[in-house]
């Protein structure tokens, strides 16, 4: 399937990241025709931005129904291939784009081993700074109607249990029904991407501050 509107969104994201000199270690589009879906996955290395985070992952999810809904409203889209598919044109959905933003923490830097201590002290300490970060992030993103949660995995060694994966994930959804041209779509995506990166940097700053204090204690 061909998604000209989403392809334009992808190109806009790539262009704006380049203008802001944001380097990605991964920038990949995917498509699954079985579920009529497509998306963009990108990964930003944070080693120069944070001692405690490895990377920032941002995933954009889209589908043929939302693509068709926008095509019906945008100027210059009368030849869009999806407008020839009755099953798509009969569907009425709001053209929203789903964004998952995930901060991947460095498990070793965030859970240093303390000589002489055993048991689950690493998990216990991590739970404290994770709660502190959650409280701060909820305040930072209070104006957004989003879901933020932790994804963790637990393992163990001779010194006790520890977290083998620590990811903070926020789910955003943006309504794209306002634009009436592809140019307006690109402008809106540029603004929303700027907002996402600004919020991502605030989360990084807050997390750095809390972890620096926690590790030093």
N, C-alpha and C. Protein backbone atom coordinates (compact mmCIF):
# COMPACT_ATOMS: atom_id res chain seq x y z
N UNK A 1 0.85 -1.19 0.00
CA UNK A 1 0.00 0.00 0.00
C UNK A 1 0.89 1.25 0.00
N UNK A 2 0.34 2.34 -0.48
CA UNK A 2 1.11 3.57 -0.59
C UNK A 2 0.46 4.65 0.27
N UNK A 3 1.25 5.28 1.14
CA UNK A 3 0.75 6.28 2.07
C UNK A 3 1.41 7.64 1.81
N UNK A 4 0.97 8.38 0.81
CA UNK A 4 1.63 9.67 0.49
C UNK A 4 1.55 10.69 1.63
N UNK A 5 0.44 10.72 2.38
CA UNK A 5 0.34 11.68 3.48
C UNK A 5 1.31 11.31 4.59
N UNK A 6 1.32 10.03 4.98
CA UNK A 6 2.24 9.62 6.03
C UNK A 6 3.69 9.75 5.58
N UNK A 7 3.97 9.48 4.33
CA UNK A 7 5.32 9.66 3.81
C UNK A 7 5.76 11.11 3.96
N UNK A 8 4.82 12.03 3.76
CA UNK A 8 5.12 13.45 3.93
C UNK A 8 5.43 13.76 5.39
N UNK A 9 4.68 13.11 6.30
CA UNK A 9 4.94 13.27 7.74
C UNK A 9 6.34 12.77 8.07
N UNK A 10 6.70 11.60 7.55
CA UNK A 10 8.02 11.02 7.80
C UNK A 10 9.12 11.96 7.30
N UNK A 11 8.95 12.49 6.09
CA UNK A 11 9.94 13.40 5.52
C UNK A 11 10.07 14.67 6.35
N UNK A 12 8.94 15.15 6.88
CA UNK A 12 8.96 16.35 7.72
C UNK A 12 9.72 16.09 9.01
N UNK A 13 9.48 14.94 9.62
CA UNK A 13 10.19 14.57 10.85
C UNK A 13 11.69 14.51 10.58
N UNK A 14 12.07 13.86 9.50
CA UNK A 14 13.49 13.72 9.17
C UNK A 14 14.13 15.09 8.92
N UNK A 15 13.43 15.96 8.20
CA UNK A 15 13.95 17.29 7.90
C UNK A 15 14.12 18.12 9.17
N UNK A 16 13.11 18.09 10.05
CA UNK A 16 13.16 18.88 11.27
C UNK A 16 14.24 18.38 12.23
N UNK A 17 14.43 17.07 12.30
CA UNK A 17 15.51 16.53 13.13
C UNK A 17 16.86 17.00 12.60
N UNK A 18 16.99 17.03 11.28
CA UNK A 18 18.23 17.50 10.67
C UNK A 18 18.50 18.97 10.98
N UNK A 19 17.45 19.78 10.92
CA UNK A 19 17.60 21.21 11.21
C UNK A 19 18.02 21.45 12.66
N UNK A 20 17.56 20.59 13.55
CA UNK A 20 17.90 20.72 14.97
C UNK A 20 19.17 19.95 15.33
N UNK A 21 19.81 19.38 14.30
CA UNK A 21 21.05 18.62 14.49
C UNK A 21 20.87 17.47 15.49
N UNK A 22 19.70 16.86 15.43
CA UNK A 22 19.41 15.68 16.24
C UNK A 22 19.78 14.45 15.43
N UNK A 23 20.78 13.72 15.90
CA UNK A 23 21.24 12.55 15.17
C UNK A 23 20.52 11.29 15.66
N UNK A 24 20.05 10.50 14.72
CA UNK A 24 19.36 9.26 15.07
C UNK A 24 20.25 8.06 14.76
N UNK A 25 20.20 7.07 15.65
CA UNK A 25 20.92 5.82 15.39
C UNK A 25 20.01 4.82 14.69
N UNK A 26 18.73 5.17 14.63
CA UNK A 26 17.76 4.34 13.92
C UNK A 26 16.65 5.23 13.38
N UNK A 27 16.33 5.07 12.12
CA UNK A 27 15.24 5.81 11.50
C UNK A 27 14.64 4.87 10.46
N UNK A 28 13.55 4.21 10.84
CA UNK A 28 13.02 3.13 10.00
C UNK A 28 11.50 3.21 9.89
N UNK A 29 10.99 3.12 8.68
CA UNK A 29 9.55 3.01 8.48
C UNK A 29 9.18 1.55 8.32
N UNK A 30 7.96 1.21 8.73
CA UNK A 30 7.49 -0.17 8.59
C UNK A 30 6.06 -0.15 8.06
N UNK A 31 5.65 -1.27 7.51
CA UNK A 31 4.29 -1.38 6.96
C UNK A 31 3.80 -2.82 7.11
N UNK A 32 2.57 -2.96 7.57
CA UNK A 32 1.96 -4.28 7.73
C UNK A 32 0.59 -4.25 7.04
N UNK A 33 0.54 -4.80 5.85
CA UNK A 33 -0.69 -4.75 5.07
C UNK A 33 -1.80 -5.62 5.66
N UNK A 34 -1.43 -6.58 6.50
CA UNK A 34 -2.46 -7.44 7.10
C UNK A 34 -3.37 -6.66 8.04
N UNK A 35 -2.79 -5.65 8.70
CA UNK A 35 -3.59 -4.85 9.63
C UNK A 35 -3.75 -3.41 9.13
N UNK A 36 -3.39 -3.19 7.86
CA UNK A 36 -3.55 -1.88 7.22
C UNK A 36 -2.85 -0.78 8.01
N UNK A 37 -1.66 -1.07 8.49
CA UNK A 37 -0.96 -0.12 9.36
C UNK A 37 0.44 0.18 8.84
N UNK A 38 0.94 1.34 9.27
CA UNK A 38 2.30 1.74 8.94
C UNK A 38 2.83 2.56 10.10
N UNK A 39 4.12 2.84 10.08
CA UNK A 39 4.67 3.61 11.19
C UNK A 39 6.11 3.99 10.97
N UNK A 40 6.62 4.78 11.90
CA UNK A 40 8.01 5.24 11.88
C UNK A 40 8.62 4.98 13.24
N UNK A 41 9.81 4.39 13.26
CA UNK A 41 10.55 4.15 14.48
C UNK A 41 11.87 4.91 14.41
N UNK A 42 12.15 5.69 15.44
CA UNK A 42 13.45 6.36 15.47
C UNK A 42 14.05 6.27 16.86
N UNK A 43 15.38 6.27 16.89
CA UNK A 43 16.12 6.13 18.14
C UNK A 43 17.19 7.21 18.18
N UNK A 44 17.24 7.94 19.31
CA UNK A 44 18.20 9.02 19.49
C UNK A 44 19.15 8.65 20.62
N UNK A 45 20.45 8.67 20.35
CA UNK A 45 21.45 8.34 21.36
C UNK A 45 21.53 9.48 22.37
N UNK A 46 21.49 9.15 23.66
CA UNK A 46 21.51 10.16 24.72
C UNK A 46 22.81 10.15 25.53
N UNK A 47 23.84 9.48 25.07
CA UNK A 47 25.07 9.37 25.85
C UNK A 47 25.72 10.72 26.11
N UNK A 48 25.49 11.68 25.21
CA UNK A 48 26.05 13.02 25.40
C UNK A 48 25.10 13.94 26.16
N UNK A 49 23.89 13.45 26.45
CA UNK A 49 22.88 14.26 27.14
C UNK A 49 22.63 13.81 28.56
N UNK A 50 22.96 12.56 28.85
CA UNK A 50 22.64 12.02 30.17
C UNK A 50 23.61 10.91 30.54
N UNK A 51 24.05 10.93 31.80
CA UNK A 51 24.89 9.86 32.32
C UNK A 51 24.07 8.62 32.63
N UNK A 52 22.75 8.81 32.75
CA UNK A 52 21.89 7.74 33.25
C UNK A 52 20.94 7.16 32.19
N UNK A 53 20.95 7.70 30.97
CA UNK A 53 20.07 7.20 29.91
C UNK A 53 20.88 6.80 28.69
N UNK A 54 20.45 5.72 28.07
CA UNK A 54 21.11 5.25 26.85
C UNK A 54 20.54 5.93 25.61
N UNK A 55 19.22 6.00 25.53
CA UNK A 55 18.61 6.50 24.30
C UNK A 55 17.16 6.92 24.51
N UNK A 56 16.65 7.64 23.53
CA UNK A 56 15.25 8.05 23.48
C UNK A 56 14.64 7.43 22.23
N UNK A 57 13.56 6.68 22.43
CA UNK A 57 12.86 6.04 21.31
C UNK A 57 11.54 6.76 21.06
N UNK A 58 11.27 7.08 19.79
CA UNK A 58 9.99 7.70 19.42
C UNK A 58 9.37 6.90 18.28
N UNK A 59 8.16 6.41 18.49
CA UNK A 59 7.45 5.63 17.48
C UNK A 59 6.16 6.33 17.07
N UNK A 60 5.95 6.47 15.77
CA UNK A 60 4.74 7.07 15.23
C UNK A 60 3.91 5.98 14.56
N UNK A 61 2.64 5.85 14.93
CA UNK A 61 1.76 4.81 14.37
C UNK A 61 0.63 5.44 13.56
N UNK A 62 0.32 4.83 12.42
CA UNK A 62 -0.64 5.34 11.45
C UNK A 62 -1.33 4.16 10.79
N UNK A 63 -2.43 4.39 10.10
CA UNK A 63 -3.07 3.29 9.37
C UNK A 63 -3.79 3.83 8.14
N UNK A 64 -4.28 2.91 7.31
CA UNK A 64 -4.90 3.29 6.03
C UNK A 64 -6.22 4.03 6.23
N UNK A 65 -6.92 3.76 7.33
CA UNK A 65 -8.20 4.43 7.58
C UNK A 65 -7.99 5.91 7.91
N UNK A 66 -6.96 6.20 8.71
CA UNK A 66 -6.66 7.59 9.02
C UNK A 66 -6.09 8.31 7.80
N UNK A 67 -5.30 7.59 7.03
CA UNK A 67 -4.76 8.15 5.78
C UNK A 67 -5.90 8.54 4.84
N UNK A 68 -6.89 7.66 4.71
CA UNK A 68 -8.03 7.93 3.83
C UNK A 68 -8.87 9.09 4.35
N UNK A 69 -9.08 9.13 5.64
CA UNK A 69 -9.86 10.21 6.25
C UNK A 69 -9.23 11.56 5.95
N UNK A 70 -7.92 11.66 6.02
CA UNK A 70 -7.24 12.91 5.72
C UNK A 70 -7.29 13.21 4.22
N UNK A 71 -7.12 12.18 3.42
CA UNK A 71 -7.12 12.37 1.96
C UNK A 71 -8.44 12.97 1.49
N UNK A 72 -9.54 12.62 2.14
CA UNK A 72 -10.85 13.14 1.76
C UNK A 72 -10.98 14.63 2.05
N UNK A 73 -10.18 15.14 2.98
CA UNK A 73 -10.31 16.53 3.41
C UNK A 73 -9.23 17.45 2.84
N UNK A 74 -8.12 16.90 2.41
CA UNK A 74 -7.01 17.74 1.96
C UNK A 74 -7.15 18.13 0.49
N UNK A 75 -6.78 19.36 0.20
CA UNK A 75 -6.77 19.83 -1.19
C UNK A 75 -5.69 19.07 -1.97
N UNK A 76 -5.99 18.77 -3.23
CA UNK A 76 -5.01 18.13 -4.09
C UNK A 76 -4.84 16.64 -3.89
N UNK A 77 -5.79 16.02 -3.19
CA UNK A 77 -5.67 14.60 -2.91
C UNK A 77 -6.71 13.74 -3.64
N UNK A 78 -7.33 14.29 -4.65
CA UNK A 78 -8.40 13.54 -5.34
C UNK A 78 -7.90 12.27 -6.00
N UNK A 79 -6.60 12.22 -6.30
CA UNK A 79 -6.04 11.03 -6.95
C UNK A 79 -5.36 10.09 -5.95
N UNK A 80 -5.60 10.32 -4.68
CA UNK A 80 -5.01 9.44 -3.66
C UNK A 80 -5.50 8.01 -3.89
N UNK A 81 -4.59 7.02 -3.90
CA UNK A 81 -4.97 5.63 -4.23
C UNK A 81 -6.03 5.05 -3.29
N UNK A 82 -6.07 5.47 -2.03
CA UNK A 82 -7.02 4.90 -1.08
C UNK A 82 -8.46 5.35 -1.35
N UNK A 83 -8.62 6.47 -2.05
CA UNK A 83 -9.96 6.96 -2.34
C UNK A 83 -10.68 6.10 -3.37
N UNK A 84 -9.95 5.14 -3.94
CA UNK A 84 -10.55 4.21 -4.90
C UNK A 84 -10.98 2.91 -4.21
N UNK A 85 -10.72 2.81 -2.91
CA UNK A 85 -11.04 1.60 -2.17
C UNK A 85 -12.28 1.86 -1.31
N UNK A 86 -13.39 1.24 -1.68
CA UNK A 86 -14.67 1.53 -1.04
C UNK A 86 -14.66 1.24 0.47
N UNK A 87 -14.02 0.16 0.85
CA UNK A 87 -13.99 -0.21 2.26
C UNK A 87 -13.32 0.86 3.12
N UNK A 88 -12.38 1.59 2.52
CA UNK A 88 -11.69 2.65 3.25
C UNK A 88 -12.49 3.95 3.24
N UNK A 89 -13.08 4.28 2.11
CA UNK A 89 -13.81 5.55 2.02
C UNK A 89 -15.10 5.53 2.84
N UNK A 90 -15.65 4.34 3.08
CA UNK A 90 -16.88 4.25 3.88
C UNK A 90 -16.61 4.41 5.37
N UNK A 91 -15.36 4.17 5.76
CA UNK A 91 -15.01 4.26 7.18
C UNK A 91 -14.89 5.72 7.60
N UNK A 92 -15.38 6.02 8.79
CA UNK A 92 -15.31 7.38 9.31
C UNK A 92 -14.51 7.38 10.62
N UNK A 93 -13.26 7.81 10.54
CA UNK A 93 -12.40 7.87 11.71
C UNK A 93 -11.75 9.25 11.80
N UNK A 94 -11.38 9.63 13.00
CA UNK A 94 -10.68 10.88 13.20
C UNK A 94 -9.20 10.66 12.87
N UNK A 95 -8.62 11.50 12.03
CA UNK A 95 -7.20 11.32 11.67
C UNK A 95 -6.27 11.74 12.80
N UNK A 96 -6.00 10.83 13.70
CA UNK A 96 -5.06 11.08 14.80
C UNK A 96 -3.81 10.25 14.59
N UNK A 97 -2.69 10.78 15.03
CA UNK A 97 -1.45 10.01 14.96
C UNK A 97 -1.02 9.67 16.38
N UNK A 98 -0.70 8.40 16.59
CA UNK A 98 -0.29 7.93 17.91
C UNK A 98 1.24 7.97 18.01
N UNK A 99 1.72 8.50 19.12
CA UNK A 99 3.17 8.62 19.33
C UNK A 99 3.53 7.99 20.67
N UNK A 100 4.48 7.08 20.62
CA UNK A 100 5.02 6.48 21.85
C UNK A 100 6.45 6.98 22.03
N UNK A 101 6.71 7.62 23.16
CA UNK A 101 8.04 8.12 23.46
C UNK A 101 8.58 7.38 24.68
N UNK A 102 9.78 6.82 24.53
CA UNK A 102 10.33 5.97 25.59
C UNK A 102 11.77 6.36 25.89
N UNK A 103 12.03 6.60 27.19
CA UNK A 103 13.39 6.90 27.66
C UNK A 103 13.99 5.61 28.21
N UNK A 104 15.11 5.16 27.64
CA UNK A 104 15.74 3.90 28.04
C UNK A 104 16.91 4.20 28.97
N UNK A 105 16.81 3.76 30.21
CA UNK A 105 17.79 4.07 31.23
C UNK A 105 18.95 3.07 31.21
N UNK A 106 20.13 3.55 31.58
CA UNK A 106 21.32 2.72 31.70
C UNK A 106 21.23 1.97 33.03
N UNK A 107 21.03 0.67 32.98
CA UNK A 107 20.75 -0.09 34.20
C UNK A 107 21.96 -0.13 35.15
N UNK A 108 23.17 -0.07 34.62
CA UNK A 108 24.36 -0.13 35.48
C UNK A 108 24.61 1.21 36.17
N UNK A 109 24.46 2.30 35.41
CA UNK A 109 24.68 3.62 36.01
C UNK A 109 23.59 3.96 37.03
N UNK A 110 22.39 3.47 36.78
CA UNK A 110 21.26 3.77 37.67
C UNK A 110 21.22 2.87 38.91
N UNK A 111 21.95 1.74 38.85
CA UNK A 111 21.92 0.78 39.96
C UNK A 111 23.33 0.33 40.32
N UNK A 112 24.17 1.24 40.77
CA UNK A 112 25.55 0.85 41.10
C UNK A 112 25.59 -0.14 42.26
N UNK A 113 26.49 -1.09 42.17
CA UNK A 113 26.67 -2.05 43.26
C UNK A 113 27.42 -1.38 44.40
N UNK A 114 27.01 -1.66 45.61
CA UNK A 114 27.65 -1.10 46.80
C UNK A 114 28.39 -2.22 47.52
N UNK A 115 29.71 -2.09 47.63
CA UNK A 115 30.50 -3.15 48.28
C UNK A 115 29.98 -3.48 49.67
N UNK A 116 29.85 -4.78 49.93
CA UNK A 116 29.42 -5.22 51.25
C UNK A 116 27.93 -5.36 51.41
N UNK A 117 27.15 -4.83 50.45
CA UNK A 117 25.69 -4.94 50.55
C UNK A 117 25.18 -6.10 49.70
N UNK A 118 24.18 -6.79 50.20
CA UNK A 118 23.54 -7.87 49.47
C UNK A 118 22.03 -7.72 49.59
N UNK A 119 21.32 -8.63 48.94
CA UNK A 119 19.86 -8.54 48.98
C UNK A 119 19.33 -7.69 47.84
N UNK A 120 18.18 -7.11 48.05
CA UNK A 120 17.48 -6.40 46.98
C UNK A 120 17.62 -4.88 47.09
N UNK A 121 18.76 -4.42 47.60
CA UNK A 121 18.94 -2.99 47.83
C UNK A 121 18.88 -2.17 46.54
N UNK A 122 19.30 -2.77 45.40
CA UNK A 122 19.27 -2.02 44.14
C UNK A 122 17.84 -1.75 43.68
N UNK A 123 16.98 -2.76 43.81
CA UNK A 123 15.57 -2.57 43.44
C UNK A 123 14.90 -1.59 44.39
N UNK A 124 15.22 -1.72 45.67
CA UNK A 124 14.59 -0.84 46.66
C UNK A 124 14.96 0.63 46.41
N UNK A 125 16.23 0.87 46.11
CA UNK A 125 16.65 2.24 45.84
C UNK A 125 16.08 2.75 44.52
N UNK A 126 16.04 1.86 43.52
CA UNK A 126 15.50 2.25 42.22
C UNK A 126 14.02 2.63 42.33
N UNK A 127 13.28 1.90 43.16
CA UNK A 127 11.86 2.22 43.31
C UNK A 127 11.65 3.62 43.85
N UNK A 128 12.60 4.11 44.66
CA UNK A 128 12.49 5.44 45.24
C UNK A 128 12.70 6.52 44.19
N UNK A 129 13.79 6.39 43.39
CA UNK A 129 14.02 7.44 42.39
C UNK A 129 13.02 7.33 41.23
N UNK A 130 12.54 6.14 40.95
CA UNK A 130 11.52 6.00 39.91
C UNK A 130 10.22 6.71 40.32
N UNK A 131 9.85 6.57 41.58
CA UNK A 131 8.66 7.26 42.07
C UNK A 131 8.84 8.77 42.02
N UNK A 132 10.04 9.25 42.38
CA UNK A 132 10.32 10.67 42.34
C UNK A 132 10.24 11.21 40.91
N UNK A 133 10.79 10.44 39.95
CA UNK A 133 10.73 10.85 38.54
C UNK A 133 9.28 10.86 38.05
N UNK A 134 8.51 9.84 38.42
CA UNK A 134 7.10 9.77 38.01
C UNK A 134 6.33 11.00 38.48
N UNK A 135 6.55 11.40 39.73
CA UNK A 135 5.85 12.56 40.27
C UNK A 135 6.20 13.83 39.50
N UNK A 136 7.48 14.00 39.18
CA UNK A 136 7.92 15.18 38.45
C UNK A 136 7.40 15.17 37.02
N UNK A 137 7.46 14.01 36.37
CA UNK A 137 7.01 13.90 34.97
C UNK A 137 5.50 14.14 34.87
N UNK A 138 4.75 13.62 35.84
CA UNK A 138 3.30 13.85 35.83
C UNK A 138 2.97 15.33 35.93
N UNK A 139 3.79 16.07 36.67
CA UNK A 139 3.59 17.52 36.76
C UNK A 139 3.98 18.20 35.45
N UNK A 140 5.09 17.77 34.86
CA UNK A 140 5.56 18.35 33.61
C UNK A 140 4.56 18.16 32.48
N UNK A 141 3.93 16.97 32.46
CA UNK A 141 3.03 16.63 31.36
C UNK A 141 1.56 16.70 31.76
N UNK A 142 1.28 17.47 32.82
CA UNK A 142 -0.08 17.53 33.34
C UNK A 142 -1.08 18.06 32.32
N UNK A 143 -0.62 18.96 31.45
CA UNK A 143 -1.53 19.56 30.47
C UNK A 143 -1.84 18.61 29.32
N UNK A 144 -1.09 17.53 29.20
CA UNK A 144 -1.31 16.55 28.13
C UNK A 144 -2.22 15.43 28.62
N UNK A 145 -3.14 15.05 27.76
CA UNK A 145 -4.03 13.93 28.08
C UNK A 145 -3.34 12.65 27.62
N UNK A 146 -2.39 12.18 28.44
CA UNK A 146 -1.56 11.06 28.03
C UNK A 146 -1.44 10.04 29.15
N UNK A 147 -0.87 8.91 28.79
CA UNK A 147 -0.57 7.85 29.76
C UNK A 147 0.95 7.73 29.85
N UNK A 148 1.48 7.73 31.08
CA UNK A 148 2.92 7.52 31.30
C UNK A 148 3.09 6.36 32.26
N UNK A 149 3.98 5.43 31.92
CA UNK A 149 4.17 4.26 32.78
C UNK A 149 5.62 3.79 32.69
N UNK A 150 6.02 2.96 33.64
CA UNK A 150 7.33 2.34 33.62
C UNK A 150 7.22 0.93 33.05
N UNK A 151 8.20 0.55 32.27
CA UNK A 151 8.36 -0.85 31.87
C UNK A 151 9.67 -1.33 32.47
N UNK A 152 9.61 -2.36 33.30
CA UNK A 152 10.81 -2.88 33.93
C UNK A 152 10.88 -4.40 33.78
N UNK A 153 12.09 -4.91 33.87
CA UNK A 153 12.31 -6.36 33.92
C UNK A 153 13.24 -6.63 35.09
N UNK A 154 13.02 -7.73 35.78
CA UNK A 154 13.76 -8.04 36.99
C UNK A 154 14.62 -9.29 36.80
N UNK A 155 15.86 -9.20 37.27
CA UNK A 155 16.78 -10.34 37.21
C UNK A 155 17.50 -10.43 38.56
N UNK A 156 18.39 -11.36 38.68
CA UNK A 156 19.12 -11.51 39.94
C UNK A 156 20.51 -12.05 39.73
N UNK A 157 21.38 -11.75 40.70
CA UNK A 157 22.74 -12.30 40.69
C UNK A 157 23.14 -12.62 42.12
N UNK A 158 24.41 -12.86 42.36
CA UNK A 158 24.87 -13.26 43.69
C UNK A 158 24.64 -12.17 44.73
N UNK A 159 24.46 -10.91 44.27
CA UNK A 159 24.26 -9.79 45.19
C UNK A 159 22.78 -9.43 45.38
N UNK A 160 21.89 -10.24 44.81
CA UNK A 160 20.46 -9.97 44.98
C UNK A 160 19.77 -9.60 43.68
N UNK A 161 18.55 -9.16 43.80
CA UNK A 161 17.75 -8.83 42.61
C UNK A 161 18.04 -7.39 42.16
N UNK A 162 17.87 -7.17 40.84
CA UNK A 162 18.07 -5.84 40.26
C UNK A 162 17.18 -5.72 39.03
N UNK A 163 17.06 -4.51 38.51
CA UNK A 163 16.25 -4.27 37.32
C UNK A 163 17.13 -4.42 36.08
N UNK A 164 16.78 -5.34 35.21
CA UNK A 164 17.56 -5.59 34.01
C UNK A 164 17.07 -4.78 32.81
N UNK A 165 15.98 -4.07 32.98
CA UNK A 165 15.48 -3.13 31.96
C UNK A 165 14.67 -2.07 32.67
N UNK A 166 14.92 -0.80 32.32
CA UNK A 166 14.19 0.32 32.93
C UNK A 166 13.82 1.30 31.82
N UNK A 167 12.56 1.34 31.46
CA UNK A 167 12.09 2.25 30.41
C UNK A 167 10.90 3.06 30.92
N UNK A 168 10.96 4.36 30.73
CA UNK A 168 9.82 5.23 31.04
C UNK A 168 9.12 5.54 29.72
N UNK A 169 7.82 5.24 29.64
CA UNK A 169 7.09 5.35 28.37
C UNK A 169 5.91 6.30 28.51
N UNK A 170 5.79 7.23 27.56
CA UNK A 170 4.64 8.13 27.50
C UNK A 170 3.95 7.95 26.15
N UNK A 171 2.61 7.94 26.19
CA UNK A 171 1.82 7.76 24.98
C UNK A 171 1.07 9.05 24.67
N UNK A 172 1.33 9.62 23.49
CA UNK A 172 0.69 10.85 23.05
C UNK A 172 -0.23 10.54 21.87
N UNK A 173 -1.23 11.40 21.67
CA UNK A 173 -2.09 11.28 20.48
C UNK A 173 -2.40 12.69 19.99
N UNK A 174 -2.16 12.94 18.71
CA UNK A 174 -2.38 14.26 18.14
C UNK A 174 -3.44 14.19 17.04
N UNK A 175 -4.37 15.11 17.11
CA UNK A 175 -5.44 15.21 16.12
C UNK A 175 -4.93 15.99 14.90
N UNK A 176 -5.07 15.40 13.71
CA UNK A 176 -4.60 16.04 12.48
C UNK A 176 -5.76 16.44 11.57
N UNK A 177 -6.94 16.67 12.15
CA UNK A 177 -8.10 16.98 11.33
C UNK A 177 -8.15 18.45 10.90
N UNK A 178 -7.34 19.30 11.52
CA UNK A 178 -7.39 20.74 11.22
C UNK A 178 -6.80 21.12 9.86
N UNK A 179 -5.67 20.56 9.43
CA UNK A 179 -5.05 20.97 8.15
C UNK A 179 -5.97 20.74 6.95
N UNK A 180 -5.82 21.62 5.96
CA UNK A 180 -6.59 21.50 4.72
C UNK A 180 -5.69 21.35 3.50
N UNK A 181 -4.41 21.26 3.72
CA UNK A 181 -3.46 21.04 2.64
C UNK A 181 -2.26 20.28 3.19
N UNK A 182 -1.49 19.68 2.29
CA UNK A 182 -0.32 18.92 2.72
C UNK A 182 0.70 19.85 3.38
N UNK A 183 0.78 21.08 2.91
CA UNK A 183 1.68 22.05 3.50
C UNK A 183 1.30 22.33 4.95
N UNK A 184 0.00 22.43 5.23
CA UNK A 184 -0.46 22.67 6.59
C UNK A 184 -0.19 21.45 7.48
N UNK A 185 -0.28 20.26 6.90
CA UNK A 185 0.06 19.04 7.64
C UNK A 185 1.52 19.10 8.08
N UNK A 186 2.39 19.47 7.16
CA UNK A 186 3.82 19.54 7.46
C UNK A 186 4.10 20.58 8.55
N UNK A 187 3.42 21.72 8.49
CA UNK A 187 3.61 22.76 9.51
C UNK A 187 3.16 22.28 10.88
N UNK A 188 2.02 21.58 10.92
CA UNK A 188 1.51 21.07 12.19
C UNK A 188 2.44 20.01 12.77
N UNK A 189 2.93 19.11 11.92
CA UNK A 189 3.84 18.06 12.37
C UNK A 189 5.13 18.68 12.91
N UNK A 190 5.62 19.72 12.27
CA UNK A 190 6.83 20.40 12.72
C UNK A 190 6.63 20.98 14.12
N UNK A 191 5.47 21.60 14.36
CA UNK A 191 5.19 22.17 15.68
C UNK A 191 5.09 21.08 16.74
N UNK A 192 4.38 20.01 16.41
CA UNK A 192 4.19 18.93 17.38
C UNK A 192 5.53 18.24 17.68
N UNK A 193 6.37 18.06 16.70
CA UNK A 193 7.67 17.44 16.93
C UNK A 193 8.53 18.33 17.83
N UNK A 194 8.47 19.64 17.61
CA UNK A 194 9.20 20.57 18.48
C UNK A 194 8.72 20.43 19.92
N UNK A 195 7.41 20.32 20.12
CA UNK A 195 6.86 20.16 21.46
C UNK A 195 7.33 18.84 22.09
N UNK A 196 7.32 17.77 21.31
CA UNK A 196 7.75 16.47 21.82
C UNK A 196 9.20 16.50 22.28
N UNK A 197 10.07 17.08 21.46
CA UNK A 197 11.48 17.13 21.80
C UNK A 197 11.73 18.02 23.01
N UNK A 198 10.96 19.10 23.12
CA UNK A 198 11.09 19.98 24.29
C UNK A 198 10.69 19.23 25.57
N UNK A 199 9.59 18.49 25.50
CA UNK A 199 9.15 17.71 26.66
C UNK A 199 10.13 16.59 26.98
N UNK A 200 10.67 15.96 25.94
CA UNK A 200 11.65 14.89 26.15
C UNK A 200 12.87 15.43 26.89
N UNK A 201 13.33 16.62 26.51
CA UNK A 201 14.50 17.21 27.16
C UNK A 201 14.21 17.57 28.61
N UNK A 202 13.00 17.99 28.90
CA UNK A 202 12.64 18.30 30.28
C UNK A 202 12.65 17.03 31.14
N UNK A 203 12.15 15.94 30.59
CA UNK A 203 12.15 14.67 31.32
C UNK A 203 13.59 14.22 31.57
N UNK A 204 14.45 14.39 30.57
CA UNK A 204 15.86 14.02 30.73
C UNK A 204 16.51 14.85 31.83
N UNK A 205 16.25 16.16 31.83
CA UNK A 205 16.82 17.06 32.84
C UNK A 205 16.35 16.68 34.25
N UNK A 206 15.06 16.45 34.40
CA UNK A 206 14.50 16.07 35.70
C UNK A 206 15.09 14.75 36.18
N UNK A 207 15.17 13.78 35.29
CA UNK A 207 15.70 12.46 35.64
C UNK A 207 17.17 12.55 36.04
N UNK A 208 17.95 13.33 35.29
CA UNK A 208 19.37 13.50 35.64
C UNK A 208 19.53 14.06 37.05
N UNK A 209 18.73 15.09 37.35
CA UNK A 209 18.82 15.74 38.65
C UNK A 209 18.48 14.78 39.79
N UNK A 210 17.39 14.04 39.62
CA UNK A 210 16.95 13.10 40.68
C UNK A 210 17.94 11.97 40.85
N UNK A 211 18.45 11.43 39.74
CA UNK A 211 19.39 10.31 39.82
C UNK A 211 20.74 10.73 40.40
N UNK A 212 21.21 11.92 40.05
CA UNK A 212 22.47 12.41 40.60
C UNK A 212 22.38 12.47 42.13
N UNK A 213 21.26 12.95 42.62
CA UNK A 213 21.07 13.05 44.06
C UNK A 213 20.91 11.67 44.69
N UNK A 214 20.19 10.78 44.01
CA UNK A 214 19.95 9.44 44.54
C UNK A 214 21.23 8.63 44.59
N UNK A 215 22.03 8.66 43.54
CA UNK A 215 23.26 7.87 43.49
C UNK A 215 24.28 8.38 44.50
N UNK A 216 24.28 9.70 44.72
CA UNK A 216 25.25 10.30 45.65
C UNK A 216 24.89 10.02 47.10
N UNK A 217 23.59 9.73 47.36
CA UNK A 217 23.15 9.54 48.76
C UNK A 217 23.71 8.26 49.36
